[in-house]
Amino acid sequence: MTELTALRILVVEDELMLLEVIASELEDAGFAVAQAMTAEIALGLIEGGAPIDILFTDIRLPGAMDGWQLAEAARRLRPGLPIIYATGFTQTPPRLAEGSLFFTKPYRAQAIIEAIRTLGCAPV
């Protein structure tokens, strides 16, 4: 396993089927995957020191935080954490973190895998 394929991805997605599919695709590509269905769960993992190299988050999430807020909180805790956003629809204007990537749904898993490899040159 190379350094690139050993990257640890935190996937935040409230649609269970999509979460399972993308997590499976990422694992098949050699990545370690942690899953969360809300921003609050994901933030708890980050605050708890979980080893995460890239955050991949949906924008529209249940709970008090959306994906934009999650990414902002994650960057406060881990400056430079690579972030990939995805959404099918959002009424809020984009608030992309510096150096992040944005995908609209539906997206191809291979496009996400290539983006992760691009962003994940060095673990955070």
PDB file of N, CA and C in Angstrom:
ATOM      1  N   MET A   1       0.849  -1.179   0.000  1.00  0.00           N
ATOM      2  CA  MET A   1       0.000   0.000   0.000  1.00  0.00           C
ATOM      3  C   MET A   1       0.890   1.235   0.000  1.00  0.00           C
ATOM      4  N   THR A   2       0.637   2.177  -0.892  1.00  0.00           N
ATOM      5  CA  THR A   2       1.437   3.386  -0.958  1.00  0.00           C
ATOM      6  C   THR A   2       0.852   4.441  -0.042  1.00  0.00           C
ATOM      7  N   GLU A   3       1.625   5.512   0.149  1.00  0.00           N
ATOM      8  CA  GLU A   3       1.158   6.597   1.008  1.00  0.00           C
ATOM      9  C   GLU A   3      -0.164   7.169   0.497  1.00  0.00           C
ATOM     10  N   LEU A   4      -0.297   7.301  -0.821  1.00  0.00           N
ATOM     11  CA  LEU A   4      -1.526   7.861  -1.373  1.00  0.00           C
ATOM     12  C   LEU A   4      -2.737   6.981  -1.112  1.00  0.00           C
ATOM     13  N   THR A   5      -2.591   5.677  -1.237  1.00  0.00           N
ATOM     14  CA  THR A   5      -3.743   4.804  -1.049  1.00  0.00           C
ATOM     15  C   THR A   5      -4.041   4.554   0.421  1.00  0.00           C
ATOM     16  N   ALA A   6      -3.153   5.009   1.321  1.00  0.00           N
ATOM     17  CA  ALA A   6      -3.382   4.819   2.743  1.00  0.00           C
ATOM     18  C   ALA A   6      -4.075   6.032   3.361  1.00  0.00           C
ATOM     19  N   LEU A   7      -4.446   6.989   2.555  1.00  0.00           N
ATOM     20  CA  LEU A   7      -5.093   8.185   3.090  1.00  0.00           C
ATOM     21  C   LEU A   7      -6.389   7.839   3.801  1.00  0.00           C
ATOM     22  N   ARG A   8      -6.675   8.578   4.860  1.00  0.00           N
ATOM     23  CA  ARG A   8      -7.886   8.364   5.667  1.00  0.00           C
ATOM     24  C   ARG A   8      -8.892   9.459   5.336  1.00  0.00           C
ATOM     25  N   ILE A   9     -10.039   9.037   4.836  1.00  0.00           N
ATOM     26  CA  ILE A   9     -11.073   9.952   4.368  1.00  0.00           C
ATOM     27  C   ILE A   9     -12.252   9.912   5.330  1.00  0.00           C
ATOM     28  N   LEU A  10     -12.708  11.077   5.768  1.00  0.00           N
ATOM     29  CA  LEU A  10     -13.942  11.174   6.544  1.00  0.00           C
ATOM     30  C   LEU A  10     -15.041  11.577   5.575  1.00  0.00           C
ATOM     31  N   VAL A  11     -16.000  10.682   5.359  1.00  0.00           N
ATOM     32  CA  VAL A  11     -17.120  10.936   4.447  1.00  0.00           C
ATOM     33  C   VAL A  11     -18.348  11.297   5.282  1.00  0.00           C
ATOM     34  N   VAL A  12     -18.925  12.468   5.006  1.00  0.00           N
ATOM     35  CA  VAL A  12     -20.097  12.939   5.734  1.00  0.00           C
ATOM     36  C   VAL A  12     -21.240  13.061   4.730  1.00  0.00           C
ATOM     37  N   GLU A  13     -22.238  12.206   4.898  1.00  0.00           N
ATOM     38  CA  GLU A  13     -23.362  12.120   3.951  1.00  0.00           C
ATOM     39  C   GLU A  13     -24.575  11.585   4.693  1.00  0.00           C
ATOM     40  N   ASP A  14     -25.711  12.275   4.577  1.00  0.00           N
ATOM     41  CA  ASP A  14     -26.907  11.842   5.301  1.00  0.00           C
ATOM     42  C   ASP A  14     -27.754  10.832   4.537  1.00  0.00           C
ATOM     43  N   GLU A  15     -27.505  10.646   3.261  1.00  0.00           N
ATOM     44  CA  GLU A  15     -28.225   9.624   2.495  1.00  0.00           C
ATOM     45  C   GLU A  15     -27.478   8.307   2.653  1.00  0.00           C
ATOM     46  N   LEU A  16     -28.039   7.399   3.442  1.00  0.00           N
ATOM     47  CA  LEU A  16     -27.355   6.166   3.813  1.00  0.00           C
ATOM     48  C   LEU A  16     -26.863   5.377   2.603  1.00  0.00           C
ATOM     49  N   MET A  17     -27.694   5.228   1.581  1.00  0.00           N
ATOM     50  CA  MET A  17     -27.295   4.449   0.420  1.00  0.00           C
ATOM     51  C   MET A  17     -26.079   5.082  -0.264  1.00  0.00           C
ATOM     52  N   LEU A  18     -26.099   6.388  -0.436  1.00  0.00           N
ATOM     53  CA  LEU A  18     -24.974   7.073  -1.066  1.00  0.00           C
ATOM     54  C   LEU A  18     -23.725   6.969  -0.185  1.00  0.00           C
ATOM     55  N   LEU A  19     -23.891   7.120   1.117  1.00  0.00           N
ATOM     56  CA  LEU A  19     -22.774   6.989   2.053  1.00  0.00           C
ATOM     57  C   LEU A  19     -22.123   5.616   1.916  1.00  0.00           C
ATOM     58  N   GLU A  20     -22.937   4.573   1.894  1.00  0.00           N
ATOM     59  CA  GLU A  20     -22.410   3.210   1.785  1.00  0.00           C
ATOM     60  C   GLU A  20     -21.727   2.980   0.439  1.00  0.00           C
ATOM     61  N   VAL A  21     -22.317   3.500  -0.628  1.00  0.00           N
ATOM     62  CA  VAL A  21     -21.742   3.301  -1.965  1.00  0.00           C
ATOM     63  C   VAL A  21     -20.403   4.017  -2.087  1.00  0.00           C
ATOM     64  N   ILE A  22     -20.349   5.288  -1.704  1.00  0.00           N
ATOM     65  CA  ILE A  22     -19.091   6.026  -1.862  1.00  0.00           C
ATOM     66  C   ILE A  22     -18.026   5.490  -0.913  1.00  0.00           C
ATOM     67  N   ALA A  23     -18.417   5.110   0.305  1.00  0.00           N
ATOM     68  CA  ALA A  23     -17.439   4.526   1.235  1.00  0.00           C
ATOM     69  C   ALA A  23     -16.865   3.236   0.662  1.00  0.00           C
ATOM     70  N   SER A  24     -17.712   2.406   0.086  1.00  0.00           N
ATOM     71  CA  SER A  24     -17.267   1.156  -0.518  1.00  0.00           C
ATOM     72  C   SER A  24     -16.320   1.410  -1.692  1.00  0.00           C
ATOM     73  N   GLU A  25     -16.681   2.365  -2.532  1.00  0.00           N
ATOM     74  CA  GLU A  25     -15.830   2.706  -3.688  1.00  0.00           C
ATOM     75  C   GLU A  25     -14.462   3.201  -3.219  1.00  0.00           C
ATOM     76  N   LEU A  26     -14.451   4.048  -2.189  1.00  0.00           N
ATOM     77  CA  LEU A  26     -13.191   4.578  -1.675  1.00  0.00           C
ATOM     78  C   LEU A  26     -12.341   3.470  -1.046  1.00  0.00           C
ATOM     79  N   GLU A  27     -12.989   2.588  -0.301  1.00  0.00           N
ATOM     80  CA  GLU A  27     -12.263   1.469   0.299  1.00  0.00           C
ATOM     81  C   GLU A  27     -11.702   0.551  -0.783  1.00  0.00           C
ATOM     82  N   ASP A  28     -12.485   0.297  -1.826  1.00  0.00           N
ATOM     83  CA  ASP A  28     -12.004  -0.529  -2.936  1.00  0.00           C
ATOM     84  C   ASP A  28     -10.795   0.105  -3.618  1.00  0.00           C
ATOM     85  N   ALA A  29     -10.719   1.441  -3.568  1.00  0.00           N
ATOM     86  CA  ALA A  29      -9.590   2.155  -4.168  1.00  0.00           C
ATOM     87  C   ALA A  29      -8.382   2.193  -3.230  1.00  0.00           C
ATOM     88  N   GLY A  30      -8.533   1.643  -2.017  1.00  0.00           N
ATOM     89  CA  GLY A  30      -7.407   1.548  -1.102  1.00  0.00           C
ATOM     90  C   GLY A  30      -7.370   2.568   0.013  1.00  0.00           C
ATOM     91  N   PHE A  31      -8.403   3.390   0.125  1.00  0.00           N
ATOM     92  CA  PHE A  31      -8.440   4.394   1.181  1.00  0.00           C
ATOM     93  C   PHE A  31      -9.069   3.816   2.449  1.00  0.00           C
ATOM     94  N   ALA A  32      -8.675   4.351   3.594  1.00  0.00           N
ATOM     95  CA  ALA A  32      -9.349   4.047   4.857  1.00  0.00           C
ATOM     96  C   ALA A  32     -10.475   5.066   4.988  1.00  0.00           C
ATOM     97  N   VAL A  33     -11.675   4.606   5.351  1.00  0.00           N
ATOM     98  CA  VAL A  33     -12.837   5.489   5.365  1.00  0.00           C
ATOM     99  C   VAL A  33     -13.515   5.475   6.728  1.00  0.00           C
ATOM    100  N   ALA A  34     -13.760   6.677   7.251  1.00  0.00           N
ATOM    101  CA  ALA A  34     -14.615   6.859   8.426  1.00  0.00           C
ATOM    102  C   ALA A  34     -15.898   7.489   7.899  1.00  0.00           C
ATOM    103  N   GLN A  35     -17.036   7.141   8.504  1.00  0.00           N
ATOM    104  CA  GLN A  35     -18.325   7.624   8.016  1.00  0.00           C
ATOM    105  C   GLN A  35     -19.067   8.385   9.107  1.00  0.00           C
ATOM    106  N   ALA A  36     -19.808   9.408   8.683  1.00  0.00           N
ATOM    107  CA  ALA A  36     -20.683  10.148   9.587  1.00  0.00           C
ATOM    108  C   ALA A  36     -21.898  10.606   8.796  1.00  0.00           C
ATOM    109  N   MET A  37     -23.070  10.577   9.448  1.00  0.00           N
ATOM    110  CA  MET A  37     -24.297  11.000   8.774  1.00  0.00           C
ATOM    111  C   MET A  37     -24.714  12.421   9.143  1.00  0.00           C
ATOM    112  N   THR A  38     -24.015  13.037  10.105  1.00  0.00           N
ATOM    113  CA  THR A  38     -24.286  14.435  10.465  1.00  0.00           C
ATOM    114  C   THR A  38     -22.962  15.162  10.662  1.00  0.00           C
ATOM    115  N   ALA A  39     -23.026  16.482  10.568  1.00  0.00           N
ATOM    116  CA  ALA A  39     -21.837  17.296  10.806  1.00  0.00           C
ATOM    117  C   ALA A  39     -21.387  17.175  12.253  1.00  0.00           C
ATOM    118  N   GLU A  40     -22.353  17.046  13.167  1.00  0.00           N
ATOM    119  CA  GLU A  40     -22.009  16.953  14.581  1.00  0.00           C
ATOM    120  C   GLU A  40     -21.206  15.686  14.878  1.00  0.00           C
ATOM    121  N   ILE A  41     -21.600  14.568  14.277  1.00  0.00           N
ATOM    122  CA  ILE A  41     -20.847  13.317  14.450  1.00  0.00           C
ATOM    123  C   ILE A  41     -19.449  13.476  13.858  1.00  0.00           C
ATOM    124  N   ALA A  42     -19.377  14.044  12.675  1.00  0.00           N
ATOM    125  CA  ALA A  42     -18.080  14.241  12.019  1.00  0.00           C
ATOM    126  C   ALA A  42     -17.178  15.147  12.848  1.00  0.00           C
ATOM    127  N   LEU A  43     -17.731  16.235  13.357  1.00  0.00           N
ATOM    128  CA  LEU A  43     -16.937  17.158  14.160  1.00  0.00           C
ATOM    129  C   LEU A  43     -16.451  16.475  15.438  1.00  0.00           C
ATOM    130  N   GLY A  44     -17.278  15.623  16.010  1.00  0.00           N
ATOM    131  CA  GLY A  44     -16.862  14.860  17.187  1.00  0.00           C
ATOM    132  C   GLY A  44     -15.656  13.980  16.890  1.00  0.00           C
ATOM    133  N   LEU A  45     -15.650  13.363  15.711  1.00  0.00           N
ATOM    134  CA  LEU A  45     -14.503  12.547  15.307  1.00  0.00           C
ATOM    135  C   LEU A  45     -13.244  13.406  15.170  1.00  0.00           C
ATOM    136  N   ILE A  46     -13.395  14.560  14.552  1.00  0.00           N
ATOM    137  CA  ILE A  46     -12.255  15.460  14.360  1.00  0.00           C
ATOM    138  C   ILE A  46     -11.756  15.974  15.707  1.00  0.00           C
ATOM    139  N   GLU A  47     -12.676  16.427  16.551  1.00  0.00           N
ATOM    140  CA  GLU A  47     -12.303  16.933  17.876  1.00  0.00           C
ATOM    141  C   GLU A  47     -11.664  15.844  18.723  1.00  0.00           C
ATOM    142  N   GLY A  48     -12.092  14.613  18.530  1.00  0.00           N
ATOM    143  CA  GLY A  48     -11.564  13.483  19.292  1.00  0.00           C
ATOM    144  C   GLY A  48     -10.199  13.000  18.820  1.00  0.00           C
ATOM    145  N   GLY A  49      -9.679  13.620  17.777  1.00  0.00           N
ATOM    146  CA  GLY A  49      -8.349  13.265  17.303  1.00  0.00           C
ATOM    147  C   GLY A  49      -8.303  12.114  16.323  1.00  0.00           C
ATOM    148  N   ALA A  50      -9.446  11.763  15.738  1.00  0.00           N
ATOM    149  CA  ALA A  50      -9.451  10.680  14.746  1.00  0.00           C
ATOM    150  C   ALA A  50      -8.474  11.024  13.621  1.00  0.00           C
ATOM    151  N   PRO A  51      -7.736  10.033  13.155  1.00  0.00           N
ATOM    152  CA  PRO A  51      -6.799  10.288  12.060  1.00  0.00           C
ATOM    153  C   PRO A  51      -7.562  10.506  10.752  1.00  0.00           C
ATOM    154  N   ILE A  52      -7.575  11.732  10.276  1.00  0.00           N
ATOM    155  CA  ILE A  52      -8.304  12.094   9.063  1.00  0.00           C
ATOM    156  C   ILE A  52      -7.376  12.926   8.189  1.00  0.00           C
ATOM    157  N   ASP A  53      -7.233  12.495   6.939  1.00  0.00           N
ATOM    158  CA  ASP A  53      -6.382  13.218   6.004  1.00  0.00           C
ATOM    159  C   ASP A  53      -7.174  14.126   5.073  1.00  0.00           C
ATOM    160  N   ILE A  54      -8.436  13.760   4.805  1.00  0.00           N
ATOM    161  CA  ILE A  54      -9.290  14.551   3.908  1.00  0.00           C
ATOM    162  C   ILE A  54     -10.729  14.474   4.410  1.00  0.00           C
ATOM    163  N   LEU A  55     -11.408  15.611   4.389  1.00  0.00           N
ATOM    164  CA  LEU A  55     -12.835  15.677   4.718  1.00  0.00           C
ATOM    165  C   LEU A  55     -13.618  15.752   3.413  1.00  0.00           C
ATOM    166  N   PHE A  56     -14.558  14.828   3.235  1.00  0.00           N
ATOM    167  CA  PHE A  56     -15.445  14.818   2.071  1.00  0.00           C
ATOM    168  C   PHE A  56     -16.863  14.950   2.598  1.00  0.00           C
ATOM    169  N   THR A  57     -17.471  16.122   2.427  1.00  0.00           N
ATOM    170  CA  THR A  57     -18.760  16.379   3.058  1.00  0.00           C
ATOM    171  C   THR A  57     -19.833  16.846   2.100  1.00  0.00           C
ATOM    172  N   ASP A  58     -21.022  16.344   2.352  1.00  0.00           N
ATOM    173  CA  ASP A  58     -22.225  16.861   1.713  1.00  0.00           C
ATOM    174  C   ASP A  58     -22.477  18.245   2.317  1.00  0.00           C
ATOM    175  N   ILE A  59     -23.226  19.082   1.628  1.00  0.00           N
ATOM    176  CA  ILE A  59     -23.549  20.414   2.149  1.00  0.00           C
ATOM    177  C   ILE A  59     -24.820  20.371   2.990  1.00  0.00           C
ATOM    178  N   ARG A  60     -25.871  19.811   2.442  1.00  0.00           N
ATOM    179  CA  ARG A  60     -27.153  19.754   3.159  1.00  0.00           C
ATOM    180  C   ARG A  60     -27.159  18.543   4.084  1.00  0.00           C
ATOM    181  N   LEU A  61     -27.098  18.818   5.368  1.00  0.00           N
ATOM    182  CA  LEU A  61     -27.047  17.763   6.373  1.00  0.00           C
ATOM    183  C   LEU A  61     -28.094  18.041   7.445  1.00  0.00           C
ATOM    184  N   PRO A  62     -28.617  16.979   8.079  1.00  0.00           N
ATOM    185  CA  PRO A  62     -29.554  17.200   9.180  1.00  0.00           C
ATOM    186  C   PRO A  62     -28.792  17.713  10.406  1.00  0.00           C
ATOM    187  N   GLY A  63     -29.509  18.360  11.302  1.00  0.00           N
ATOM    188  CA  GLY A  63     -28.864  18.853  12.514  1.00  0.00           C
ATOM    189  C   GLY A  63     -28.608  20.346  12.433  1.00  0.00           C
ATOM    190  N   ALA A  64     -27.851  20.833  13.383  1.00  0.00           N
ATOM    191  CA  ALA A  64     -27.621  22.275  13.509  1.00  0.00           C
ATOM    192  C   ALA A  64     -26.574  22.806  12.539  1.00  0.00           C
ATOM    193  N   MET A  65     -25.709  21.943  12.026  1.00  0.00           N
ATOM    194  CA  MET A  65     -24.622  22.382  11.144  1.00  0.00           C
ATOM    195  C   MET A  65     -24.805  21.841   9.738  1.00  0.00           C
ATOM    196  N   ASP A  66     -24.446  22.655   8.758  1.00  0.00           N
ATOM    197  CA  ASP A  66     -24.394  22.160   7.384  1.00  0.00           C
ATOM    198  C   ASP A  66     -22.931  21.858   7.035  1.00  0.00           C
ATOM    199  N   GLY A  67     -22.706  21.431   5.823  1.00  0.00           N
ATOM    200  CA  GLY A  67     -21.354  21.081   5.398  1.00  0.00           C
ATOM    201  C   GLY A  67     -20.397  22.255   5.367  1.00  0.00           C
ATOM    202  N   TRP A  68     -20.924  23.437   5.048  1.00  0.00           N
ATOM    203  CA  TRP A  68     -20.067  24.640   5.056  1.00  0.00           C
ATOM    204  C   TRP A  68     -19.546  24.884   6.475  1.00  0.00           C
ATOM    205  N   GLN A  69     -20.455  24.836   7.444  1.00  0.00           N
ATOM    206  CA  GLN A  69     -20.079  25.075   8.837  1.00  0.00           C
ATOM    207  C   GLN A  69     -19.129  23.996   9.346  1.00  0.00           C
ATOM    208  N   LEU A  70     -19.383  22.756   8.963  1.00  0.00           N
ATOM    209  CA  LEU A  70     -18.497  21.669   9.350  1.00  0.00           C
ATOM    210  C   LEU A  70     -17.085  21.920   8.835  1.00  0.00           C
ATOM    211  N   ALA A  71     -16.972  22.265   7.574  1.00  0.00           N
ATOM    212  CA  ALA A  71     -15.651  22.506   6.985  1.00  0.00           C
ATOM    213  C   ALA A  71     -14.940  23.657   7.689  1.00  0.00           C
ATOM    214  N   GLU A  72     -15.687  24.712   8.001  1.00  0.00           N
ATOM    215  CA  GLU A  72     -15.086  25.854   8.697  1.00  0.00           C
ATOM    216  C   GLU A  72     -14.590  25.441  10.084  1.00  0.00           C
ATOM    217  N   ALA A  73     -15.393  24.667  10.809  1.00  0.00           N
ATOM    218  CA  ALA A  73     -14.993  24.198  12.142  1.00  0.00           C
ATOM    219  C   ALA A  73     -13.794  23.248  12.039  1.00  0.00           C
ATOM    220  N   ALA A  74     -13.823  22.372  11.031  1.00  0.00           N
ATOM    221  CA  ALA A  74     -12.720  21.429  10.849  1.00  0.00           C
ATOM    222  C   ALA A  74     -11.424  22.167  10.554  1.00  0.00           C
ATOM    223  N   ARG A  75     -11.494  23.206   9.741  1.00  0.00           N
ATOM    224  CA  ARG A  75     -10.294  23.977   9.406  1.00  0.00           C
ATOM    225  C   ARG A  75      -9.769  24.769  10.615  1.00  0.00           C
ATOM    226  N   ARG A  76     -10.666  25.201  11.496  1.00  0.00           N
ATOM    227  CA  ARG A  76     -10.199  25.875  12.716  1.00  0.00           C
ATOM    228  C   ARG A  76      -9.396  24.893  13.576  1.00  0.00           C
ATOM    229  N   LEU A  77      -9.846  23.649  13.626  1.00  0.00           N
ATOM    230  CA  LEU A  77      -9.169  22.629  14.427  1.00  0.00           C
ATOM    231  C   LEU A  77      -7.930  22.065  13.738  1.00  0.00           C
ATOM    232  N   ARG A  78      -8.017  21.940  12.424  1.00  0.00           N
ATOM    233  CA  ARG A  78      -6.916  21.360  11.638  1.00  0.00           C
ATOM    234  C   ARG A  78      -6.669  22.227  10.405  1.00  0.00           C
ATOM    235  N   PRO A  79      -5.956  23.331  10.585  1.00  0.00           N
ATOM    236  CA  PRO A  79      -5.676  24.209   9.438  1.00  0.00           C
ATOM    237  C   PRO A  79      -5.008  23.412   8.308  1.00  0.00           C
ATOM    238  N   GLY A  80      -5.442  23.665   7.119  1.00  0.00           N
ATOM    239  CA  GLY A  80      -4.861  22.983   5.975  1.00  0.00           C
ATOM    240  C   GLY A  80      -5.496  21.643   5.637  1.00  0.00           C
ATOM    241  N   LEU A  81      -6.470  21.196   6.444  1.00  0.00           N
ATOM    242  CA  LEU A  81      -7.144  19.932   6.138  1.00  0.00           C
ATOM    243  C   LEU A  81      -7.788  20.037   4.757  1.00  0.00           C
ATOM    244  N   PRO A  82      -7.458  19.139   3.831  1.00  0.00           N
ATOM    245  CA  PRO A  82      -8.087  19.171   2.514  1.00  0.00           C
ATOM    246  C   PRO A  82      -9.583  18.856   2.626  1.00  0.00           C
ATOM    247  N   ILE A  83     -10.379  19.587   1.858  1.00  0.00           N
ATOM    248  CA  ILE A  83     -11.836  19.440   1.917  1.00  0.00           C
ATOM    249  C   ILE A  83     -12.396  19.281   0.511  1.00  0.00           C
ATOM    250  N   ILE A  84     -13.322  18.331   0.381  1.00  0.00           N
ATOM    251  CA  ILE A  84     -14.099  18.161  -0.842  1.00  0.00           C
ATOM    252  C   ILE A  84     -15.562  18.295  -0.441  1.00  0.00           C
ATOM    253  N   TYR A  85     -16.276  19.185  -1.115  1.00  0.00           N
ATOM    254  CA  TYR A  85     -17.708  19.378  -0.882  1.00  0.00           C
ATOM    255  C   TYR A  85     -18.500  18.715  -2.000  1.00  0.00           C
ATOM    256  N   ALA A  86     -19.717  18.283  -1.667  1.00  0.00           N
ATOM    257  CA  ALA A  86     -20.627  17.751  -2.683  1.00  0.00           C
ATOM    258  C   ALA A  86     -22.052  18.124  -2.302  1.00  0.00           C
ATOM    259  N   THR A  87     -22.845  18.451  -3.298  1.00  0.00           N
ATOM    260  CA  THR A  87     -24.255  18.723  -3.030  1.00  0.00           C
ATOM    261  C   THR A  87     -25.065  18.554  -4.304  1.00  0.00           C
ATOM    262  N   GLY A  88     -26.310  18.217  -4.105  1.00  0.00           N
ATOM    263  CA  GLY A  88     -27.239  18.172  -5.216  1.00  0.00           C
ATOM    264  C   GLY A  88     -27.994  19.480  -5.329  1.00  0.00           C
ATOM    265  N   PHE A  89     -28.139  20.170  -4.195  1.00  0.00           N
ATOM    266  CA  PHE A  89     -28.893  21.418  -4.157  1.00  0.00           C
ATOM    267  C   PHE A  89     -28.587  22.132  -2.862  1.00  0.00           C
ATOM    268  N   THR A  90     -28.358  23.412  -2.943  1.00  0.00           N
ATOM    269  CA  THR A  90     -28.185  24.219  -1.743  1.00  0.00           C
ATOM    270  C   THR A  90     -28.729  25.608  -1.991  1.00  0.00           C
ATOM    271  N   GLN A  91     -29.402  26.157  -1.000  1.00  0.00           N
ATOM    272  CA  GLN A  91     -29.932  27.519  -1.114  1.00  0.00           C
ATOM    273  C   GLN A  91     -28.937  28.538  -0.581  1.00  0.00           C
ATOM    274  N   THR A  92     -27.903  28.064   0.106  1.00  0.00           N
ATOM    275  CA  THR A  92     -26.917  28.984   0.658  1.00  0.00           C
ATOM    276  C   THR A  92     -25.807  29.206  -0.355  1.00  0.00           C
ATOM    277  N   PRO A  93     -25.253  30.412  -0.384  1.00  0.00           N
ATOM    278  CA  PRO A  93     -24.153  30.663  -1.315  1.00  0.00           C
ATOM    279  C   PRO A  93     -22.914  29.853  -0.916  1.00  0.00           C
ATOM    280  N   PRO A  94     -22.131  29.419  -1.884  1.00  0.00           N
ATOM    281  CA  PRO A  94     -20.938  28.625  -1.577  1.00  0.00           C
ATOM    282  C   PRO A  94     -19.971  29.385  -0.680  1.00  0.00           C
ATOM    283  N   ARG A  95     -19.380  28.661   0.252  1.00  0.00           N
ATOM    284  CA  ARG A  95     -18.349  29.210   1.144  1.00  0.00           C
ATOM    285  C   ARG A  95     -17.172  28.239   1.136  1.00  0.00           C
ATOM    286  N   LEU A  96     -16.579  28.081  -0.017  1.00  0.00           N
ATOM    287  CA  LEU A  96     -15.497  27.112  -0.176  1.00  0.00           C
ATOM    288  C   LEU A  96     -14.263  27.522   0.619  1.00  0.00           C
ATOM    289  N   ALA A  97     -13.714  26.573   1.360  1.00  0.00           N
ATOM    290  CA  ALA A  97     -12.453  26.798   2.054  1.00  0.00           C
ATOM    291  C   ALA A  97     -11.342  26.888   1.011  1.00  0.00           C
ATOM    292  N   GLU A  98     -10.313  27.628   1.327  1.00  0.00           N
ATOM    293  CA  GLU A  98      -9.188  27.787   0.418  1.00  0.00           C
ATOM    294  C   GLU A  98      -8.610  26.429   0.035  1.00  0.00           C
ATOM    295  N   GLY A  99      -8.410  26.235  -1.266  1.00  0.00           N
ATOM    296  CA  GLY A  99      -7.810  25.008  -1.755  1.00  0.00           C
ATOM    297  C   GLY A  99      -8.738  23.804  -1.806  1.00  0.00           C
ATOM    298  N   SER A 100     -10.017  24.014  -1.541  1.00  0.00           N
ATOM    299  CA  SER A 100     -10.963  22.900  -1.533  1.00  0.00           C
ATOM    300  C   SER A 100     -11.515  22.651  -2.937  1.00  0.00           C
ATOM    301  N   LEU A 101     -12.247  21.545  -3.064  1.00  0.00           N
ATOM    302  CA  LEU A 101     -12.893  21.197  -4.326  1.00  0.00           C
ATOM    303  C   LEU A 101     -14.387  21.049  -4.108  1.00  0.00           C
ATOM    304  N   PHE A 102     -15.167  21.240  -5.165  1.00  0.00           N
ATOM    305  CA  PHE A 102     -16.620  21.190  -5.085  1.00  0.00           C
ATOM    306  C   PHE A 102     -17.154  20.320  -6.216  1.00  0.00           C
ATOM    307  N   PHE A 103     -18.058  19.382  -5.862  1.00  0.00           N
ATOM    308  CA  PHE A 103     -18.708  18.510  -6.844  1.00  0.00           C
ATOM    309  C   PHE A 103     -20.219  18.631  -6.693  1.00  0.00           C
ATOM    310  N   THR A 104     -20.910  18.554  -7.815  1.00  0.00           N
ATOM    311  CA  THR A 104     -22.370  18.498  -7.764  1.00  0.00           C
ATOM    312  C   THR A 104     -22.799  17.045  -7.928  1.00  0.00           C
ATOM    313  N   LYS A 105     -23.901  16.715  -7.266  1.00  0.00           N
ATOM    314  CA  LYS A 105     -24.477  15.372  -7.388  1.00  0.00           C
ATOM    315  C   LYS A 105     -25.388  15.342  -8.593  1.00  0.00           C
ATOM    316  N   PRO A 106     -25.449  14.248  -9.289  1.00  0.00           N
ATOM    317  CA  PRO A 106     -24.679  13.032  -9.036  1.00  0.00           C
ATOM    318  C   PRO A 106     -23.252  13.195  -9.545  1.00  0.00           C
ATOM    319  N   TYR A 107     -22.325  12.624  -8.827  1.00  0.00           N
ATOM    320  CA  TYR A 107     -20.923  12.647  -9.229  1.00  0.00           C
ATOM    321  C   TYR A 107     -20.467  11.211  -9.464  1.00  0.00           C
ATOM    322  N   ARG A 108     -19.405  11.070 -10.205  1.00  0.00           N
ATOM    323  CA  ARG A 108     -18.815   9.746 -10.431  1.00  0.00           C
ATOM    324  C   ARG A 108     -17.823   9.469  -9.313  1.00  0.00           C
ATOM    325  N   ALA A 109     -17.862   8.282  -8.754  1.00  0.00           N
ATOM    326  CA  ALA A 109     -16.932   7.912  -7.682  1.00  0.00           C
ATOM    327  C   ALA A 109     -15.489   8.078  -8.151  1.00  0.00           C
ATOM    328  N   GLN A 110     -15.215   7.749  -9.397  1.00  0.00           N
ATOM    329  CA  GLN A 110     -13.854   7.868  -9.903  1.00  0.00           C
ATOM    330  C   GLN A 110     -13.374   9.316  -9.874  1.00  0.00           C
ATOM    331  N   ALA A 111     -14.264  10.271 -10.119  1.00  0.00           N
ATOM    332  CA  ALA A 111     -13.886  11.686 -10.052  1.00  0.00           C
ATOM    333  C   ALA A 111     -13.500  12.075  -8.629  1.00  0.00           C
ATOM    334  N   ILE A 112     -14.215  11.540  -7.640  1.00  0.00           N
ATOM    335  CA  ILE A 112     -13.892  11.815  -6.238  1.00  0.00           C
ATOM    336  C   ILE A 112     -12.554  11.171  -5.883  1.00  0.00           C
ATOM    337  N   ILE A 113     -12.332   9.955  -6.329  1.00  0.00           N
ATOM    338  CA  ILE A 113     -11.073   9.254  -6.052  1.00  0.00           C
ATOM    339  C   ILE A 113      -9.896  10.032  -6.638  1.00  0.00           C
ATOM    340  N   GLU A 114     -10.045  10.516  -7.854  1.00  0.00           N
ATOM    341  CA  GLU A 114      -8.975  11.308  -8.475  1.00  0.00           C
ATOM    342  C   GLU A 114      -8.753  12.611  -7.719  1.00  0.00           C
ATOM    343  N   ALA A 115      -9.829  13.247  -7.258  1.00  0.00           N
ATOM    344  CA  ALA A 115      -9.706  14.483  -6.484  1.00  0.00           C
ATOM    345  C   ALA A 115      -8.989  14.222  -5.162  1.00  0.00           C
ATOM    346  N   ILE A 116      -9.317  13.120  -4.510  1.00  0.00           N
ATOM    347  CA  ILE A 116      -8.655  12.775  -3.251  1.00  0.00           C
ATOM    348  C   ILE A 116      -7.173  12.569  -3.479  1.00  0.00           C
ATOM    349  N   ARG A 117      -6.828  11.891  -4.516  1.00  0.00           N
ATOM    350  CA  ARG A 117      -5.399  11.659  -4.802  1.00  0.00           C
ATOM    351  C   ARG A 117      -4.693  12.978  -5.101  1.00  0.00           C
ATOM    352  N   THR A 118      -5.384  13.896  -5.734  1.00  0.00           N
ATOM    353  CA  THR A 118      -4.802  15.205  -6.012  1.00  0.00           C
ATOM    354  C   THR A 118      -4.571  15.993  -4.728  1.00  0.00           C
ATOM    355  N   LEU A 119      -5.582  15.992  -3.839  1.00  0.00           N
ATOM    356  CA  LEU A 119      -5.501  16.760  -2.594  1.00  0.00           C
ATOM    357  C   LEU A 119      -4.632  16.098  -1.539  1.00  0.00           C
ATOM    358  N   GLY A 120      -4.552  14.779  -1.558  1.00  0.00           N
ATOM    359  CA  GLY A 120      -3.972  14.049  -0.448  1.00  0.00           C
ATOM    360  C   GLY A 120      -2.502  13.743  -0.550  1.00  0.00           C
ATOM    361  N   CYS A 121      -1.745  14.680  -1.041  1.00  0.00           N
ATOM    362  CA  CYS A 121      -0.313  14.414  -1.202  1.00  0.00           C
ATOM    363  C   CYS A 121       0.420  14.280   0.125  1.00  0.00           C
ATOM    364  N   ALA A 122      -0.065  14.940   1.175  1.00  0.00           N
ATOM    365  CA  ALA A 122       0.592  14.858   2.480  1.00  0.00           C
ATOM    366  C   ALA A 122      -0.471  14.742   3.560  1.00  0.00           C
ATOM    367  N   PRO A 123      -0.376  13.739   4.424  1.00  0.00           N
ATOM    368  CA  PRO A 123      -1.345  13.615   5.516  1.00  0.00           C
ATOM    369  C   PRO A 123      -1.332  14.825   6.426  1.00  0.00           C
ATOM    370  N   VAL A 124      -2.495  15.158   6.968  1.00  0.00           N
ATOM    371  CA  VAL A 124      -2.635  16.306   7.888  1.00  0.00           C
ATOM    372  C   VAL A 124      -2.743  15.777   9.297  1.00  0.00           C
TER     373      VAL A 124
END
